[in-house]
Amino acid sequence: MPHVEFAPALQRHVPCPPQQVDARTLREALAKSFEAAPQMRHYVLDEQGAVRKHVAVFVNARMIADRANLDVPLAGTDKVMVIQALTGG
């Protein structure tokens, strides 16, 4: 089962421990992880279900390029990491 983890910067708002989730896509993996911490959804996804501008999602250390298309296939050994992206100059 894929492993989903939220960075400490997000967990300070909503505690959500790392999880193994039964999911075949990134969208399913995030949805299942939000079951354990429903408030986290608001921090990660916007009203249309896309990844928010100041959040980055990685699958096996590779950042997803399309914030709206979360139907990225996942294998049982994949690792998903959700972090708060840094912006500014």
N, C-alpha and C. Protein backbone atom coordinates (compact mmCIF):
# COMPACT_ATOMS: atom_id res chain seq x y z
N MET A 1 0.83 -1.18 0.00
CA MET A 1 0.00 0.00 0.00
C MET A 1 0.88 1.25 0.00
N PRO A 2 0.50 2.28 -0.75
CA PRO A 2 1.27 3.51 -0.75
C PRO A 2 1.35 4.15 0.64
N HIS A 3 2.46 4.82 0.86
CA HIS A 3 2.73 5.51 2.13
C HIS A 3 2.49 7.00 1.90
N VAL A 4 1.70 7.65 2.76
CA VAL A 4 1.40 9.08 2.65
C VAL A 4 1.88 9.77 3.92
N GLU A 5 2.62 10.86 3.71
CA GLU A 5 3.14 11.60 4.86
C GLU A 5 3.00 13.10 4.60
N PHE A 6 2.65 13.83 5.65
CA PHE A 6 2.53 15.28 5.59
C PHE A 6 3.69 15.89 6.36
N ALA A 7 4.32 16.91 5.80
CA ALA A 7 5.47 17.56 6.42
C ALA A 7 5.08 18.21 7.74
N PRO A 8 6.04 18.37 8.64
CA PRO A 8 5.76 18.98 9.94
C PRO A 8 5.12 20.37 9.85
N ALA A 9 5.47 21.15 8.83
CA ALA A 9 4.88 22.49 8.70
C ALA A 9 3.37 22.42 8.53
N LEU A 10 2.86 21.38 7.87
CA LEU A 10 1.42 21.19 7.74
C LEU A 10 0.83 20.56 9.00
N GLN A 11 1.57 19.65 9.61
CA GLN A 11 1.06 18.96 10.79
C GLN A 11 0.95 19.87 12.01
N ARG A 12 1.62 21.01 11.99
CA ARG A 12 1.46 21.92 13.13
C ARG A 12 0.06 22.52 13.13
N HIS A 13 -0.60 22.54 11.96
CA HIS A 13 -1.98 23.02 11.86
C HIS A 13 -2.97 21.90 12.13
N VAL A 14 -2.69 20.72 11.56
CA VAL A 14 -3.58 19.57 11.70
C VAL A 14 -2.72 18.32 11.88
N PRO A 15 -2.72 17.72 13.05
CA PRO A 15 -1.94 16.49 13.23
C PRO A 15 -2.45 15.38 12.32
N CYS A 16 -1.54 14.76 11.62
CA CYS A 16 -1.89 13.66 10.71
C CYS A 16 -0.67 12.76 10.58
N PRO A 17 -0.65 11.65 11.28
CA PRO A 17 0.53 10.77 11.25
C PRO A 17 0.71 10.12 9.88
N PRO A 18 1.92 9.68 9.57
CA PRO A 18 2.15 8.95 8.31
C PRO A 18 1.21 7.74 8.25
N GLN A 19 0.78 7.42 7.04
CA GLN A 19 -0.20 6.34 6.87
C GLN A 19 0.12 5.47 5.67
N GLN A 20 -0.28 4.23 5.76
CA GLN A 20 -0.32 3.32 4.61
C GLN A 20 -1.78 3.31 4.18
N VAL A 21 -2.05 3.61 2.91
CA VAL A 21 -3.43 3.68 2.44
C VAL A 21 -3.64 2.74 1.26
N ASP A 22 -4.81 2.19 1.18
CA ASP A 22 -5.19 1.32 0.07
C ASP A 22 -5.71 2.21 -1.05
N ALA A 23 -4.83 2.53 -2.01
CA ALA A 23 -5.19 3.47 -3.08
C ALA A 23 -4.44 3.12 -4.36
N ARG A 24 -5.09 3.39 -5.48
CA ARG A 24 -4.46 3.14 -6.78
C ARG A 24 -4.02 4.42 -7.48
N THR A 25 -4.52 5.57 -6.99
CA THR A 25 -4.13 6.85 -7.58
C THR A 25 -3.77 7.82 -6.46
N LEU A 26 -3.10 8.89 -6.85
CA LEU A 26 -2.77 9.93 -5.88
C LEU A 26 -4.04 10.53 -5.29
N ARG A 27 -5.04 10.76 -6.11
CA ARG A 27 -6.31 11.31 -5.63
C ARG A 27 -6.91 10.42 -4.53
N GLU A 28 -6.93 9.11 -4.76
CA GLU A 28 -7.47 8.18 -3.76
C GLU A 28 -6.61 8.18 -2.50
N ALA A 29 -5.30 8.23 -2.66
CA ALA A 29 -4.40 8.21 -1.51
C ALA A 29 -4.62 9.43 -0.63
N LEU A 30 -4.75 10.60 -1.25
CA LEU A 30 -5.00 11.80 -0.47
C LEU A 30 -6.36 11.74 0.21
N ALA A 31 -7.38 11.30 -0.53
CA ALA A 31 -8.73 11.20 0.05
C ALA A 31 -8.73 10.28 1.26
N LYS A 32 -8.05 9.16 1.17
CA LYS A 32 -8.01 8.22 2.31
C LYS A 32 -7.24 8.81 3.48
N SER A 33 -6.18 9.55 3.19
CA SER A 33 -5.42 10.15 4.29
C SER A 33 -6.22 11.26 4.96
N PHE A 34 -7.08 11.96 4.20
CA PHE A 34 -7.92 13.00 4.79
C PHE A 34 -9.00 12.41 5.70
N GLU A 35 -9.30 11.14 5.56
CA GLU A 35 -10.27 10.50 6.46
C GLU A 35 -9.76 10.53 7.89
N ALA A 36 -8.44 10.41 8.07
CA ALA A 36 -7.85 10.43 9.41
C ALA A 36 -7.75 11.85 9.96
N ALA A 37 -7.68 12.84 9.06
CA ALA A 37 -7.56 14.24 9.48
C ALA A 37 -8.31 15.10 8.46
N PRO A 38 -9.65 15.16 8.55
CA PRO A 38 -10.45 15.87 7.55
C PRO A 38 -10.07 17.33 7.36
N GLN A 39 -9.58 18.00 8.40
CA GLN A 39 -9.22 19.41 8.28
C GLN A 39 -8.01 19.62 7.36
N MET A 40 -7.20 18.58 7.18
CA MET A 40 -6.00 18.69 6.35
C MET A 40 -6.38 18.96 4.88
N ARG A 41 -7.54 18.48 4.48
CA ARG A 41 -7.98 18.68 3.09
C ARG A 41 -7.98 20.16 2.73
N HIS A 42 -8.47 21.00 3.63
CA HIS A 42 -8.53 22.45 3.39
C HIS A 42 -7.13 23.05 3.20
N TYR A 43 -6.14 22.54 3.90
CA TYR A 43 -4.78 23.06 3.77
C TYR A 43 -4.12 22.61 2.47
N VAL A 44 -4.50 21.43 1.96
CA VAL A 44 -3.82 20.85 0.81
C VAL A 44 -4.54 21.14 -0.51
N LEU A 45 -5.86 21.03 -0.54
CA LEU A 45 -6.62 21.17 -1.78
C LEU A 45 -7.50 22.42 -1.76
N ASP A 46 -7.70 23.00 -2.94
CA ASP A 46 -8.60 24.15 -3.04
C ASP A 46 -10.03 23.68 -3.26
N GLU A 47 -10.94 24.60 -3.51
CA GLU A 47 -12.37 24.28 -3.64
C GLU A 47 -12.66 23.41 -4.86
N GLN A 48 -11.78 23.44 -5.86
CA GLN A 48 -11.96 22.61 -7.06
C GLN A 48 -11.27 21.26 -6.94
N GLY A 49 -10.61 21.01 -5.83
CA GLY A 49 -9.93 19.74 -5.62
C GLY A 49 -8.51 19.70 -6.16
N ALA A 50 -7.96 20.84 -6.55
CA ALA A 50 -6.58 20.92 -7.03
C ALA A 50 -5.65 21.24 -5.86
N VAL A 51 -4.39 20.88 -6.00
CA VAL A 51 -3.40 21.18 -4.96
C VAL A 51 -3.22 22.70 -4.89
N ARG A 52 -3.26 23.22 -3.69
CA ARG A 52 -3.12 24.66 -3.50
C ARG A 52 -1.75 25.15 -3.97
N LYS A 53 -1.70 26.44 -4.30
CA LYS A 53 -0.50 27.07 -4.84
C LYS A 53 0.72 26.93 -3.93
N HIS A 54 0.52 27.01 -2.63
CA HIS A 54 1.64 26.98 -1.69
C HIS A 54 1.85 25.61 -1.05
N VAL A 55 1.42 24.57 -1.77
CA VAL A 55 1.63 23.19 -1.32
C VAL A 55 2.27 22.43 -2.48
N ALA A 56 3.19 21.55 -2.15
CA ALA A 56 3.82 20.70 -3.17
C ALA A 56 3.60 19.24 -2.77
N VAL A 57 3.30 18.43 -3.77
CA VAL A 57 3.08 17.00 -3.55
C VAL A 57 4.13 16.23 -4.36
N PHE A 58 4.79 15.32 -3.69
CA PHE A 58 5.83 14.50 -4.32
C PHE A 58 5.41 13.04 -4.29
N VAL A 59 5.68 12.34 -5.37
CA VAL A 59 5.51 10.89 -5.42
C VAL A 59 6.90 10.33 -5.69
N ASN A 60 7.42 9.58 -4.74
CA ASN A 60 8.77 9.03 -4.83
C ASN A 60 9.79 10.13 -5.12
N ALA A 61 9.72 11.22 -4.36
CA ALA A 61 10.65 12.35 -4.43
C ALA A 61 10.57 13.13 -5.75
N ARG A 62 9.51 12.93 -6.52
CA ARG A 62 9.29 13.67 -7.76
C ARG A 62 8.04 14.51 -7.63
N MET A 63 8.19 15.83 -7.78
CA MET A 63 7.05 16.72 -7.61
C MET A 63 6.06 16.53 -8.76
N ILE A 64 4.77 16.45 -8.42
CA ILE A 64 3.76 16.35 -9.47
C ILE A 64 3.67 17.71 -10.17
N ALA A 65 3.57 17.67 -11.48
CA ALA A 65 3.58 18.90 -12.27
C ALA A 65 2.19 19.50 -12.42
N ASP A 66 1.18 18.66 -12.53
CA ASP A 66 -0.19 19.13 -12.77
C ASP A 66 -0.96 19.12 -11.46
N ARG A 67 -1.22 20.29 -10.92
CA ARG A 67 -1.91 20.41 -9.62
C ARG A 67 -3.36 19.97 -9.68
N ALA A 68 -3.97 19.99 -10.87
CA ALA A 68 -5.39 19.65 -11.00
C ALA A 68 -5.60 18.17 -11.29
N ASN A 69 -4.69 17.54 -12.00
CA ASN A 69 -4.85 16.12 -12.35
C ASN A 69 -4.16 15.25 -11.31
N LEU A 70 -4.95 14.76 -10.39
CA LEU A 70 -4.40 13.92 -9.31
C LEU A 70 -4.63 12.44 -9.57
N ASP A 71 -4.97 12.10 -10.80
CA ASP A 71 -5.19 10.69 -11.14
C ASP A 71 -3.89 9.99 -11.52
N VAL A 72 -2.81 10.37 -10.86
CA VAL A 72 -1.50 9.76 -11.06
C VAL A 72 -1.55 8.35 -10.48
N PRO A 73 -1.21 7.33 -11.29
CA PRO A 73 -1.25 5.96 -10.76
C PRO A 73 -0.19 5.75 -9.68
N LEU A 74 -0.55 4.98 -8.67
CA LEU A 74 0.38 4.64 -7.59
C LEU A 74 0.54 3.14 -7.50
N ALA A 75 1.76 2.73 -7.18
CA ALA A 75 2.05 1.32 -6.90
C ALA A 75 2.08 1.14 -5.39
N GLY A 76 2.04 -0.10 -4.96
CA GLY A 76 1.99 -0.39 -3.54
C GLY A 76 3.18 0.09 -2.74
N THR A 77 4.32 0.30 -3.39
CA THR A 77 5.52 0.73 -2.67
C THR A 77 5.79 2.22 -2.79
N ASP A 78 4.91 2.97 -3.43
CA ASP A 78 5.13 4.40 -3.64
C ASP A 78 5.03 5.18 -2.34
N LYS A 79 5.79 6.28 -2.30
CA LYS A 79 5.78 7.17 -1.14
C LYS A 79 5.31 8.54 -1.59
N VAL A 80 4.28 9.04 -0.92
CA VAL A 80 3.71 10.36 -1.20
C VAL A 80 4.08 11.28 -0.05
N MET A 81 4.66 12.43 -0.40
CA MET A 81 5.02 13.42 0.61
C MET A 81 4.35 14.74 0.23
N VAL A 82 3.64 15.32 1.19
CA VAL A 82 2.95 16.60 0.99
C VAL A 82 3.65 17.63 1.86
N ILE A 83 4.14 18.70 1.23
CA ILE A 83 4.87 19.71 1.97
C ILE A 83 4.28 21.09 1.71
N GLN A 84 4.59 22.01 2.58
CA GLN A 84 4.22 23.39 2.39
C GLN A 84 5.35 24.02 1.58
N ALA A 85 5.04 24.46 0.34
CA ALA A 85 6.06 25.03 -0.52
C ALA A 85 6.44 26.42 -0.05
N LEU A 86 7.69 26.76 -0.21
CA LEU A 86 8.18 28.09 0.15
C LEU A 86 8.13 28.99 -1.06
N THR A 87 7.68 30.21 -0.88
CA THR A 87 7.64 31.17 -1.96
C THR A 87 8.22 32.49 -1.47
N GLY A 88 8.45 33.37 -2.39
CA GLY A 88 8.96 34.68 -2.01
C GLY A 88 10.36 34.89 -2.53
N GLY A 89 10.96 35.97 -2.16
CA GLY A 89 12.29 36.27 -2.69
C GLY A 89 13.16 36.94 -1.69
